[in-house]
Amino acid sequence: MQTVNALNDLPNNAILSLSSLAILEISGVDAKTFLQGQLTIDVQSLSSEQARIGAQCDPKGKMVGLGHIVQVGESVWFIQHEEGIESSLSQFTKYGVFAKAECHRADGWQGFLFVGDDAIEQAKSMEVVYSTPHFENAIFGWTTQTKPSFSETVPVYDGKVFDAYTIANGIPLLRQNMAGEWVPQMTNIQALNGIDFDKGCYLGQETVARTRYLGKNKRQCYIVKSQPLHQDLSKPGTPVEMRMGENWRKSGTIIYSACLANEAWSLCVMPNDLTPDAELRIQPNFDLSIVALPYDIAQEASLIKKRR
């Protein structure tokens, strides 16, 4: 597989490996009923043609799972970052013990994101194919073939390129050490149609609803870009500092990052009142620049405040 020095080097038609992702498959008679009480989206709305982003919360409303959710046959796939899937599986196992539903890692699948005008044609050999509304002109495909064949004219890129591409589109994924840290709105998924506020009860719903209706969320996810970083400096959990006069103070945390040869891309949770020209850095002295989100995260004013 190939790589690129920077995202701008990607050609119009490209295939990106999903090697950094893993699949949780939930099946059984009660699969959808069980998931309806576990996820932030209305599971009954799922289709096999388009995936939705959604979160899985603990009883305190903090995320233990985050990714794309799609109907595959009689099962539901919850596709997450490889390094974050165990916390999700653990909670499903804990709460699914009395449900007629089984949850396991669906190993043996290879995934690819087909980007460009030829995406649909290139994905024809895949066994599972779907789109998402968050990636324009792109198709996800999964296959059990060990060596799938693609057009020789379309280059295939490694998982780092997919991670960078995902971050540049403002799509969050959760790593293991970030489980239990963030309310879903702190990662912008309400702006990605990842929370159905009228779906009924699910684990952690009280916190998620209160965060919206009482206007309690003071943080959001930002895309930041920098010069190439050492892997240890950009791993999830790395603090981000902001200049405050002559001093620097911790302002946020990296939750997802990807380092290419000439640039590094990261998603950071930080206060939602930052200005675009805020001076940010990672220790010891790596400057970060904020990149505009490709979607609007503005929410309606608190419903309670409106009644006053």
C-alpha atoms as a PDB file:
ATOM      1  CA  MET A   1       0.000   0.000   0.000  1.00  0.00           C
ATOM      2  CA  GLN A   2       1.015   3.562  -0.626  1.00  0.00           C
ATOM      3  CA  THR A   3       1.005   6.627   1.588  1.00  0.00           C
ATOM      4  CA  VAL A   4       1.005  10.377   0.959  1.00  0.00           C
ATOM      5  CA  ASN A   5       3.068  13.202   2.396  1.00  0.00           C
ATOM      6  CA  ALA A   6      -0.032  15.395   2.792  1.00  0.00           C
ATOM      7  CA  LEU A   7      -3.773  15.028   2.193  1.00  0.00           C
ATOM      8  CA  ASN A   8      -3.620  17.504  -0.674  1.00  0.00           C
ATOM      9  CA  ASP A   9      -1.540  14.903  -2.525  1.00  0.00           C
ATOM     10  CA  LEU A  10      -4.473  12.476  -2.737  1.00  0.00           C
ATOM     11  CA  PRO A  11      -5.634  11.965  -6.341  1.00  0.00           C
ATOM     12  CA  ASN A  12      -9.272  12.422  -7.338  1.00  0.00           C
ATOM     13  CA  ASN A  13      -9.824   8.665  -7.280  1.00  0.00           C
ATOM     14  CA  ALA A  14      -8.299   6.716  -4.405  1.00  0.00           C
ATOM     15  CA  ILE A  15      -8.846   3.679  -2.180  1.00  0.00           C
ATOM     16  CA  LEU A  16      -8.093   4.041   1.525  1.00  0.00           C
ATOM     17  CA  SER A  17      -7.531   1.025   3.755  1.00  0.00           C
ATOM     18  CA  LEU A  18      -9.693   0.788   6.885  1.00  0.00           C
ATOM     19  CA  SER A  19      -7.029  -1.193   8.732  1.00  0.00           C
ATOM     20  CA  SER A  20      -7.418   1.031  11.801  1.00  0.00           C
ATOM     21  CA  LEU A  21     -11.088   0.008  12.201  1.00  0.00           C
ATOM     22  CA  ALA A  22     -12.754  -3.062  13.681  1.00  0.00           C
ATOM     23  CA  ILE A  23     -16.311  -4.412  13.603  1.00  0.00           C
ATOM     24  CA  LEU A  24     -18.609  -5.365  16.463  1.00  0.00           C
ATOM     25  CA  GLU A  25     -21.454  -7.516  15.151  1.00  0.00           C
ATOM     26  CA  ILE A  26     -24.672  -7.631  17.169  1.00  0.00           C
ATOM     27  CA  SER A  27     -27.167 -10.311  16.165  1.00  0.00           C
ATOM     28  CA  GLY A  28     -30.094 -12.289  17.528  1.00  0.00           C
ATOM     29  CA  VAL A  29     -33.843 -11.945  17.980  1.00  0.00           C
ATOM     30  CA  ASP A  30     -33.501  -9.048  20.421  1.00  0.00           C
ATOM     31  CA  ALA A  31     -30.524  -7.349  18.755  1.00  0.00           C
ATOM     32  CA  LYS A  32     -32.291  -4.134  17.757  1.00  0.00           C
ATOM     33  CA  THR A  33     -34.335  -3.934  20.956  1.00  0.00           C
ATOM     34  CA  PHE A  34     -31.160  -4.346  22.990  1.00  0.00           C
ATOM     35  CA  LEU A  35     -29.253  -1.746  20.963  1.00  0.00           C
ATOM     36  CA  GLN A  36     -32.149   0.705  21.213  1.00  0.00           C
ATOM     37  CA  GLY A  37     -31.415   0.885  24.937  1.00  0.00           C
ATOM     38  CA  GLN A  38     -27.657   1.231  24.405  1.00  0.00           C
ATOM     39  CA  LEU A  39     -27.048   3.694  21.560  1.00  0.00           C
ATOM     40  CA  THR A  40     -27.741   7.390  20.999  1.00  0.00           C
ATOM     41  CA  ILE A  41     -29.494   6.834  17.663  1.00  0.00           C
ATOM     42  CA  ASP A  42     -32.824   5.254  16.765  1.00  0.00           C
ATOM     43  CA  VAL A  43     -31.721   1.774  15.756  1.00  0.00           C
ATOM     44  CA  GLN A  44     -35.039   1.177  13.993  1.00  0.00           C
ATOM     45  CA  SER A  45     -33.987   3.819  11.441  1.00  0.00           C
ATOM     46  CA  LEU A  46     -30.949   1.850  10.261  1.00  0.00           C
ATOM     47  CA  SER A  47     -30.590   0.695   6.671  1.00  0.00           C
ATOM     48  CA  SER A  48     -28.100  -1.399   4.748  1.00  0.00           C
ATOM     49  CA  GLU A  49     -27.379   1.408   2.286  1.00  0.00           C
ATOM     50  CA  GLN A  50     -26.277   4.239   4.559  1.00  0.00           C
ATOM     51  CA  ALA A  51     -24.486   4.081   7.905  1.00  0.00           C
ATOM     52  CA  ARG A  52     -25.093   6.492  10.764  1.00  0.00           C
ATOM     53  CA  ILE A  53     -22.621   7.719  13.324  1.00  0.00           C
ATOM     54  CA  GLY A  54     -23.648   7.017  16.914  1.00  0.00           C
ATOM     55  CA  ALA A  55     -22.345   6.646  20.447  1.00  0.00           C
ATOM     56  CA  GLN A  56     -22.617   4.149  23.273  1.00  0.00           C
ATOM     57  CA  CYS A  57     -22.604   5.692  26.757  1.00  0.00           C
ATOM     58  CA  ASP A  58     -22.046   4.485  30.289  1.00  0.00           C
ATOM     59  CA  PRO A  59     -24.650   5.256  32.993  1.00  0.00           C
ATOM     60  CA  LYS A  60     -23.025   8.675  33.552  1.00  0.00           C
ATOM     61  CA  GLY A  61     -23.492   9.634  29.899  1.00  0.00           C
ATOM     62  CA  LYS A  62     -19.797   9.345  29.020  1.00  0.00           C
ATOM     63  CA  MET A  63     -18.924   7.520  25.798  1.00  0.00           C
ATOM     64  CA  VAL A  64     -17.465   4.016  25.802  1.00  0.00           C
ATOM     65  CA  GLY A  65     -18.120   3.450  22.097  1.00  0.00           C
ATOM     66  CA  LEU A  66     -18.272   5.688  19.025  1.00  0.00           C
ATOM     67  CA  GLY A  67     -18.434   4.863  15.344  1.00  0.00           C
ATOM     68  CA  HIS A  68     -20.582   4.081  12.313  1.00  0.00           C
ATOM     69  CA  ILE A  69     -23.608   1.825  12.666  1.00  0.00           C
ATOM     70  CA  VAL A  70     -25.174  -0.026   9.755  1.00  0.00           C
ATOM     71  CA  GLN A  71     -27.623  -2.858   9.098  1.00  0.00           C
ATOM     72  CA  VAL A  72     -25.927  -5.919   7.558  1.00  0.00           C
ATOM     73  CA  GLY A  73     -28.408  -8.688   6.819  1.00  0.00           C
ATOM     74  CA  GLU A  74     -30.131  -9.612  10.092  1.00  0.00           C
ATOM     75  CA  SER A  75     -27.258  -8.178  12.124  1.00  0.00           C
ATOM     76  CA  VAL A  76     -26.075  -4.704  13.080  1.00  0.00           C
ATOM     77  CA  TRP A  77     -22.446  -3.648  12.693  1.00  0.00           C
ATOM     78  CA  PHE A  78     -20.907  -1.087  15.031  1.00  0.00           C
ATOM     79  CA  ILE A  79     -17.668  -0.060  13.292  1.00  0.00           C
ATOM     80  CA  GLN A  80     -15.161   1.617  15.582  1.00  0.00           C
ATOM     81  CA  HIS A  81     -11.466   2.308  15.940  1.00  0.00           C
ATOM     82  CA  GLU A  82      -9.476  -0.863  16.517  1.00  0.00           C
ATOM     83  CA  GLU A  83      -7.964   0.628  19.681  1.00  0.00           C
ATOM     84  CA  GLY A  84     -11.320   1.555  21.206  1.00  0.00           C
ATOM     85  CA  ILE A  85     -13.483  -1.457  20.579  1.00  0.00           C
ATOM     86  CA  GLU A  86     -12.816  -3.429  23.775  1.00  0.00           C
ATOM     87  CA  SER A  87     -14.554  -0.961  26.111  1.00  0.00           C
ATOM     88  CA  SER A  88     -17.602  -1.076  23.842  1.00  0.00           C
ATOM     89  CA  LEU A  89     -17.652  -4.878  23.714  1.00  0.00           C
ATOM     90  CA  SER A  90     -17.241  -5.098  27.490  1.00  0.00           C
ATOM     91  CA  GLN A  91     -20.302  -2.946  28.148  1.00  0.00           C
ATOM     92  CA  PHE A  92     -22.432  -4.745  25.559  1.00  0.00           C
ATOM     93  CA  THR A  93     -21.479  -8.051  27.196  1.00  0.00           C
ATOM     94  CA  LYS A  94     -22.348  -6.724  30.661  1.00  0.00           C
ATOM     95  CA  TYR A  95     -25.791  -5.380  29.768  1.00  0.00           C
ATOM     96  CA  GLY A  96     -26.702  -7.987  27.163  1.00  0.00           C
ATOM     97  CA  VAL A  97     -26.554 -10.975  29.471  1.00  0.00           C
ATOM     98  CA  PHE A  98     -30.355 -11.263  29.693  1.00  0.00           C
ATOM     99  CA  ALA A  99     -31.118 -10.271  26.091  1.00  0.00           C
ATOM    100  CA  LYS A 100     -31.483 -12.638  23.167  1.00  0.00           C
ATOM    101  CA  ALA A 101     -28.618 -10.894  21.439  1.00  0.00           C
ATOM    102  CA  GLU A 102     -25.017 -11.810  20.784  1.00  0.00           C
ATOM    103  CA  CYS A 103     -22.141  -9.376  20.389  1.00  0.00           C
ATOM    104  CA  HIS A 104     -18.715 -10.308  19.076  1.00  0.00           C
ATOM    105  CA  ARG A 105     -15.852  -8.990  16.993  1.00  0.00           C
ATOM    106  CA  ALA A 106     -16.414  -9.800  13.333  1.00  0.00           C
ATOM    107  CA  ASP A 107     -12.851 -10.652  12.399  1.00  0.00           C
ATOM    108  CA  GLY A 108     -11.828 -11.741   8.918  1.00  0.00           C
ATOM    109  CA  TRP A 109     -13.128  -8.638   7.133  1.00  0.00           C
ATOM    110  CA  GLN A 110     -11.040  -6.098   5.241  1.00  0.00           C
ATOM    111  CA  GLY A 111     -12.459  -2.630   4.757  1.00  0.00           C
ATOM    112  CA  PHE A 112     -11.801   0.155   2.246  1.00  0.00           C
ATOM    113  CA  LEU A 113     -13.069   3.662   1.575  1.00  0.00           C
ATOM    114  CA  PHE A 114     -13.479   4.284  -2.154  1.00  0.00           C
ATOM    115  CA  VAL A 115     -13.127   7.982  -2.912  1.00  0.00           C
ATOM    116  CA  GLY A 116     -13.901   9.805  -6.160  1.00  0.00           C
ATOM    117  CA  ASP A 117     -16.153   9.680  -9.201  1.00  0.00           C
ATOM    118  CA  ASP A 118     -15.367   5.981  -9.736  1.00  0.00           C
ATOM    119  CA  ALA A 119     -16.137   4.984  -6.133  1.00  0.00           C
ATOM    120  CA  ILE A 120     -19.277   2.966  -6.882  1.00  0.00           C
ATOM    121  CA  GLU A 121     -17.611   1.107  -9.737  1.00  0.00           C
ATOM    122  CA  GLN A 122     -14.509   0.349  -7.666  1.00  0.00           C
ATOM    123  CA  ALA A 123     -16.580  -0.987  -4.758  1.00  0.00           C
ATOM    124  CA  LYS A 124     -18.490  -3.540  -6.851  1.00  0.00           C
ATOM    125  CA  SER A 125     -16.328  -6.433  -5.682  1.00  0.00           C
ATOM    126  CA  MET A 126     -17.115  -5.746  -2.009  1.00  0.00           C
ATOM    127  CA  GLU A 127     -19.575  -7.936  -0.087  1.00  0.00           C
ATOM    128  CA  VAL A 128     -20.857  -5.160   2.194  1.00  0.00           C
ATOM    129  CA  VAL A 129     -21.230  -1.680   0.706  1.00  0.00           C
ATOM    130  CA  TYR A 130     -22.690   1.496   2.194  1.00  0.00           C
ATOM    131  CA  SER A 131     -22.281   5.260   2.208  1.00  0.00           C
ATOM    132  CA  THR A 132     -22.398   7.867   4.967  1.00  0.00           C
ATOM    133  CA  PRO A 133     -23.611  11.465   4.692  1.00  0.00           C
ATOM    134  CA  HIS A 134     -20.315  12.710   6.134  1.00  0.00           C
ATOM    135  CA  PHE A 135     -18.026  11.706   3.262  1.00  0.00           C
ATOM    136  CA  GLU A 136     -18.950  13.204  -0.089  1.00  0.00           C
ATOM    137  CA  ASN A 137     -18.396  11.123  -3.207  1.00  0.00           C
ATOM    138  CA  ALA A 138     -17.194   8.130  -1.190  1.00  0.00           C
ATOM    139  CA  ILE A 139     -18.322   4.548  -0.574  1.00  0.00           C
ATOM    140  CA  PHE A 140     -17.356   2.150   2.228  1.00  0.00           C
ATOM    141  CA  GLY A 141     -16.790  -1.486   1.308  1.00  0.00           C
ATOM    142  CA  TRP A 142     -15.889  -4.636   3.240  1.00  0.00           C
ATOM    143  CA  THR A 143     -14.801  -8.027   1.959  1.00  0.00           C
ATOM    144  CA  THR A 144     -13.642 -11.381   3.313  1.00  0.00           C
ATOM    145  CA  GLN A 145     -11.244 -11.780   0.384  1.00  0.00           C
ATOM    146  CA  THR A 146      -7.644 -11.841   1.580  1.00  0.00           C
ATOM    147  CA  LYS A 147      -6.390 -10.217  -1.618  1.00  0.00           C
ATOM    148  CA  PRO A 148      -9.183  -8.199  -3.236  1.00  0.00           C
ATOM    149  CA  SER A 149      -8.492  -7.039  -6.758  1.00  0.00           C
ATOM    150  CA  PHE A 150      -8.745  -3.368  -7.680  1.00  0.00           C
ATOM    151  CA  SER A 151      -8.146  -1.343 -10.805  1.00  0.00           C
ATOM    152  CA  GLU A 152      -4.436  -0.867 -11.410  1.00  0.00           C
ATOM    153  CA  THR A 153      -5.088   2.789 -12.208  1.00  0.00           C
ATOM    154  CA  VAL A 154      -6.470   3.609  -8.737  1.00  0.00           C
ATOM    155  CA  PRO A 155      -3.886   3.708  -5.927  1.00  0.00           C
ATOM    156  CA  VAL A 156      -4.521   2.040  -2.558  1.00  0.00           C
ATOM    157  CA  TYR A 157      -3.384   3.911   0.556  1.00  0.00           C
ATOM    158  CA  ASP A 158      -2.702   2.727   4.084  1.00  0.00           C
ATOM    159  CA  GLY A 159      -4.762   3.236   7.232  1.00  0.00           C
ATOM    160  CA  LYS A 160      -2.907   6.386   8.302  1.00  0.00           C
ATOM    161  CA  VAL A 161      -4.259   8.170   5.247  1.00  0.00           C
ATOM    162  CA  PHE A 162      -7.814   7.113   6.136  1.00  0.00           C
ATOM    163  CA  ASP A 163      -7.329   8.378   9.698  1.00  0.00           C
ATOM    164  CA  ALA A 164      -6.074  11.751   8.434  1.00  0.00           C
ATOM    165  CA  TYR A 165      -8.930  11.937   5.897  1.00  0.00           C
ATOM    166  CA  THR A 166     -11.469  11.184   8.628  1.00  0.00           C
ATOM    167  CA  ILE A 167     -10.043  13.827  10.960  1.00  0.00           C
ATOM    168  CA  ALA A 168     -10.004  16.423   8.168  1.00  0.00           C
ATOM    169  CA  ASN A 169     -13.737  15.757   7.774  1.00  0.00           C
ATOM    170  CA  GLY A 170     -14.300  16.301  11.508  1.00  0.00           C
ATOM    171  CA  ILE A 171     -15.405  12.719  12.210  1.00  0.00           C
ATOM    172  CA  PRO A 172     -14.409  11.528  15.713  1.00  0.00           C
ATOM    173  CA  LEU A 173     -13.405   8.030  16.743  1.00  0.00           C
ATOM    174  CA  LEU A 174     -12.691   6.812  20.263  1.00  0.00           C
ATOM    175  CA  ARG A 175      -9.513   5.123  21.516  1.00  0.00           C
ATOM    176  CA  GLN A 176      -9.396   2.846  24.559  1.00  0.00           C
ATOM    177  CA  ASN A 177      -7.793   5.385  26.918  1.00  0.00           C
ATOM    178  CA  MET A 178     -10.472   7.943  26.050  1.00  0.00           C
ATOM    179  CA  ALA A 179     -13.425   5.726  27.053  1.00  0.00           C
ATOM    180  CA  GLY A 180     -15.521   7.204  29.849  1.00  0.00           C
ATOM    181  CA  GLU A 181     -14.133  10.727  29.362  1.00  0.00           C
ATOM    182  CA  TRP A 182     -16.530  12.615  27.104  1.00  0.00           C
ATOM    183  CA  VAL A 183     -20.243  13.331  26.783  1.00  0.00           C
ATOM    184  CA  PRO A 184     -21.203  12.753  23.096  1.00  0.00           C
ATOM    185  CA  GLN A 185     -21.799  16.451  22.354  1.00  0.00           C
ATOM    186  CA  MET A 186     -18.182  17.210  23.252  1.00  0.00           C
ATOM    187  CA  THR A 187     -17.186  15.335  20.081  1.00  0.00           C
ATOM    188  CA  ASN A 188     -19.747  17.120  17.855  1.00  0.00           C
ATOM    189  CA  ILE A 189     -21.806  14.054  16.992  1.00  0.00           C
ATOM    190  CA  GLN A 190     -25.074  15.953  17.502  1.00  0.00           C
ATOM    191  CA  ALA A 191     -24.012  17.956  14.424  1.00  0.00           C
ATOM    192  CA  LEU A 192     -23.467  14.692  12.531  1.00  0.00           C
ATOM    193  CA  ASN A 193     -26.991  13.396  13.236  1.00  0.00           C
ATOM    194  CA  GLY A 194     -25.526  11.036  15.820  1.00  0.00           C
ATOM    195  CA  ILE A 195     -28.064  11.695  18.595  1.00  0.00           C
ATOM    196  CA  ASP A 196     -31.808  11.165  18.275  1.00  0.00           C
ATOM    197  CA  PHE A 197     -33.158  13.212  21.174  1.00  0.00           C
ATOM    198  CA  ASP A 198     -36.722  11.894  20.796  1.00  0.00           C
ATOM    199  CA  LYS A 199     -35.963   8.170  20.491  1.00  0.00           C
ATOM    200  CA  GLY A 200     -36.755   7.085  24.055  1.00  0.00           C
ATOM    201  CA  CYS A 201     -34.622   5.778  26.898  1.00  0.00           C
ATOM    202  CA  TYR A 202     -31.068   4.503  26.600  1.00  0.00           C
ATOM    203  CA  LEU A 203     -28.106   4.202  28.917  1.00  0.00           C
ATOM    204  CA  GLY A 204     -26.739   7.642  29.787  1.00  0.00           C
ATOM    205  CA  GLN A 205     -29.650   9.470  28.134  1.00  0.00           C
ATOM    206  CA  GLU A 206     -30.346  11.734  31.112  1.00  0.00           C
ATOM    207  CA  THR A 207     -26.895  13.318  30.908  1.00  0.00           C
ATOM    208  CA  VAL A 208     -27.014  13.619  27.107  1.00  0.00           C
ATOM    209  CA  ALA A 209     -30.446  15.275  27.213  1.00  0.00           C
ATOM    210  CA  ARG A 210     -29.519  17.593  30.078  1.00  0.00           C
ATOM    211  CA  THR A 211     -26.397  18.669  28.198  1.00  0.00           C
ATOM    212  CA  ARG A 212     -28.609  19.805  25.338  1.00  0.00           C
ATOM    213  CA  TYR A 213     -31.710  21.191  26.956  1.00  0.00           C
ATOM    214  CA  LEU A 214     -29.983  22.989  29.828  1.00  0.00           C
ATOM    215  CA  GLY A 215     -27.175  24.285  27.636  1.00  0.00           C
ATOM    216  CA  LYS A 216     -24.540  22.682  29.860  1.00  0.00           C
ATOM    217  CA  ASN A 217     -22.038  21.732  27.176  1.00  0.00           C
ATOM    218  CA  LYS A 218     -19.031  24.051  27.215  1.00  0.00           C
ATOM    219  CA  ARG A 219     -16.719  21.983  25.022  1.00  0.00           C
ATOM    220  CA  GLN A 220     -16.533  20.818  21.415  1.00  0.00           C
ATOM    221  CA  CYS A 221     -14.206  19.056  19.007  1.00  0.00           C
ATOM    222  CA  TYR A 222     -11.802  21.047  16.835  1.00  0.00           C
ATOM    223  CA  ILE A 223      -9.733  19.996  13.845  1.00  0.00           C
ATOM    224  CA  VAL A 224      -6.127  21.083  14.310  1.00  0.00           C
ATOM    225  CA  LYS A 225      -3.180  20.745  11.983  1.00  0.00           C
ATOM    226  CA  SER A 226       0.549  20.942  12.653  1.00  0.00           C
ATOM    227  CA  GLN A 227       3.969  19.982  11.424  1.00  0.00           C
ATOM    228  CA  PRO A 228       4.697  16.240  11.684  1.00  0.00           C
ATOM    229  CA  LEU A 229       4.669  15.041  15.284  1.00  0.00           C
ATOM    230  CA  HIS A 230       6.370  12.158  17.006  1.00  0.00           C
ATOM    231  CA  GLN A 231       3.796   9.448  17.676  1.00  0.00           C
ATOM    232  CA  ASP A 232       4.137   9.834  21.461  1.00  0.00           C
ATOM    233  CA  LEU A 233       3.350  13.551  21.220  1.00  0.00           C
ATOM    234  CA  SER A 234       0.083  13.109  19.346  1.00  0.00           C
ATOM    235  CA  LYS A 235      -1.432  10.048  20.997  1.00  0.00           C
ATOM    236  CA  PRO A 236      -4.948  10.311  22.475  1.00  0.00           C
ATOM    237  CA  GLY A 237      -4.850  11.946  25.870  1.00  0.00           C
ATOM    238  CA  THR A 238      -2.049  14.358  24.965  1.00  0.00           C
ATOM    239  CA  PRO A 239      -2.796  17.797  26.488  1.00  0.00           C
ATOM    240  CA  VAL A 240      -3.175  20.861  24.270  1.00  0.00           C
ATOM    241  CA  GLU A 241      -2.059  24.202  25.687  1.00  0.00           C
ATOM    242  CA  MET A 242      -3.317  27.696  24.843  1.00  0.00           C
ATOM    243  CA  ARG A 243      -1.435  30.958  25.260  1.00  0.00           C
ATOM    244  CA  MET A 244      -2.892  33.121  28.028  1.00  0.00           C
ATOM    245  CA  GLY A 245      -0.935  36.364  27.974  1.00  0.00           C
ATOM    246  CA  GLU A 246       2.666  35.451  28.699  1.00  0.00           C
ATOM    247  CA  ASN A 247       1.790  31.967  29.940  1.00  0.00           C
ATOM    248  CA  TRP A 248       0.525  28.686  28.543  1.00  0.00           C
ATOM    249  CA  ARG A 249      -2.296  26.709  30.154  1.00  0.00           C
ATOM    250  CA  LYS A 250      -3.870  23.369  29.385  1.00  0.00           C
ATOM    251  CA  SER A 251      -6.961  23.994  27.282  1.00  0.00           C
ATOM    252  CA  GLY A 252      -7.862  20.651  25.768  1.00  0.00           C
ATOM    253  CA  THR A 253      -7.022  17.063  24.902  1.00  0.00           C
ATOM    254  CA  ILE A 254      -6.230  15.180  21.710  1.00  0.00           C
ATOM    255  CA  ILE A 255      -8.705  12.351  21.109  1.00  0.00           C
ATOM    256  CA  TYR A 256      -7.751  11.198  17.594  1.00  0.00           C
ATOM    257  CA  SER A 257      -4.681  11.881  15.469  1.00  0.00           C
ATOM    258  CA  ALA A 258      -2.829  10.846  12.327  1.00  0.00           C
ATOM    259  CA  CYS A 259       0.705  11.744  11.300  1.00  0.00           C
ATOM    260  CA  LEU A 260       1.746  11.919   7.649  1.00  0.00           C
ATOM    261  CA  ALA A 261       5.235  12.746   6.405  1.00  0.00           C
ATOM    262  CA  ASN A 262       4.658  16.495   6.039  1.00  0.00           C
ATOM    263  CA  GLU A 263       1.744  17.185   8.386  1.00  0.00           C
ATOM    264  CA  ALA A 264      -0.194  15.934  11.386  1.00  0.00           C
ATOM    265  CA  TRP A 265      -3.963  16.037  11.808  1.00  0.00           C
ATOM    266  CA  SER A 266      -5.737  15.834  15.165  1.00  0.00           C
ATOM    267  CA  LEU A 267      -9.157  16.176  16.729  1.00  0.00           C
ATOM    268  CA  CYS A 268      -9.083  17.949  20.094  1.00  0.00           C
ATOM    269  CA  VAL A 269     -11.768  18.530  22.703  1.00  0.00           C
ATOM    270  CA  MET A 270     -11.454  22.146  23.872  1.00  0.00           C
ATOM    271  CA  PRO A 271     -13.679  25.007  25.131  1.00  0.00           C
ATOM    272  CA  ASN A 272     -16.360  25.893  22.584  1.00  0.00           C
ATOM    273  CA  ASP A 273     -15.616  29.614  22.715  1.00  0.00           C
ATOM    274  CA  LEU A 274     -12.140  29.516  21.147  1.00  0.00           C
ATOM    275  CA  THR A 275     -11.421  32.029  18.398  1.00  0.00           C
ATOM    276  CA  PRO A 276      -9.912  30.813  15.098  1.00  0.00           C
ATOM    277  CA  ASP A 277      -6.689  32.671  15.845  1.00  0.00           C
ATOM    278  CA  ALA A 278      -6.152  31.123  19.294  1.00  0.00           C
ATOM    279  CA  GLU A 279      -2.500  30.212  19.860  1.00  0.00           C
ATOM    280  CA  LEU A 280      -2.274  26.496  20.612  1.00  0.00           C
ATOM    281  CA  ARG A 281       0.588  24.094  21.099  1.00  0.00           C
ATOM    282  CA  ILE A 282       1.647  20.630  22.168  1.00  0.00           C
ATOM    283  CA  GLN A 283       4.682  20.387  24.406  1.00  0.00           C
ATOM    284  CA  PRO A 284       7.523  20.936  23.989  1.00  0.00           C
ATOM    285  CA  ASN A 285       6.933  23.485  21.215  1.00  0.00           C
ATOM    286  CA  PHE A 286       4.707  22.258  18.378  1.00  0.00           C
ATOM    287  CA  ASP A 287       2.285  24.930  17.185  1.00  0.00           C
ATOM    288  CA  LEU A 288      -1.246  23.913  16.207  1.00  0.00           C
ATOM    289  CA  SER A 289      -3.565  25.767  13.842  1.00  0.00           C
ATOM    290  CA  ILE A 290      -7.344  25.420  13.913  1.00  0.00           C
ATOM    291  CA  VAL A 291      -8.946  24.189  10.683  1.00  0.00           C
ATOM    292  CA  ALA A 292     -12.581  25.114  10.034  1.00  0.00           C
ATOM    293  CA  LEU A 293     -15.083  22.315  10.589  1.00  0.00           C
ATOM    294  CA  PRO A 294     -16.923  21.202   7.426  1.00  0.00           C
ATOM    295  CA  TYR A 295     -20.261  21.325   9.272  1.00  0.00           C
ATOM    296  CA  ASP A 296     -22.173  23.655  11.593  1.00  0.00           C
ATOM    297  CA  ILE A 297     -22.391  22.713  15.271  1.00  0.00           C
ATOM    298  CA  ALA A 298     -24.646  25.565  16.393  1.00  0.00           C
ATOM    299  CA  GLN A 299     -27.511  24.352  18.579  1.00  0.00           C
ATOM    300  CA  GLU A 300     -30.864  25.857  19.351  1.00  0.00           C
ATOM    301  CA  ALA A 301     -31.009  27.752  22.622  1.00  0.00           C
ATOM    302  CA  SER A 302     -31.986  25.762  25.685  1.00  0.00           C
ATOM    303  CA  LEU A 303     -35.664  24.856  25.601  1.00  0.00           C
ATOM    304  CA  ILE A 304     -35.926  25.658  29.289  1.00  0.00           C
ATOM    305  CA  LYS A 305     -34.336  29.060  28.757  1.00  0.00           C
ATOM    306  CA  LYS A 306     -36.829  29.735  25.960  1.00  0.00           C
ATOM    307  CA  ARG A 307     -39.737  29.232  28.352  1.00  0.00           C
ATOM    308  CA  ARG A 308     -38.498  31.901  30.745  1.00  0.00           C
END
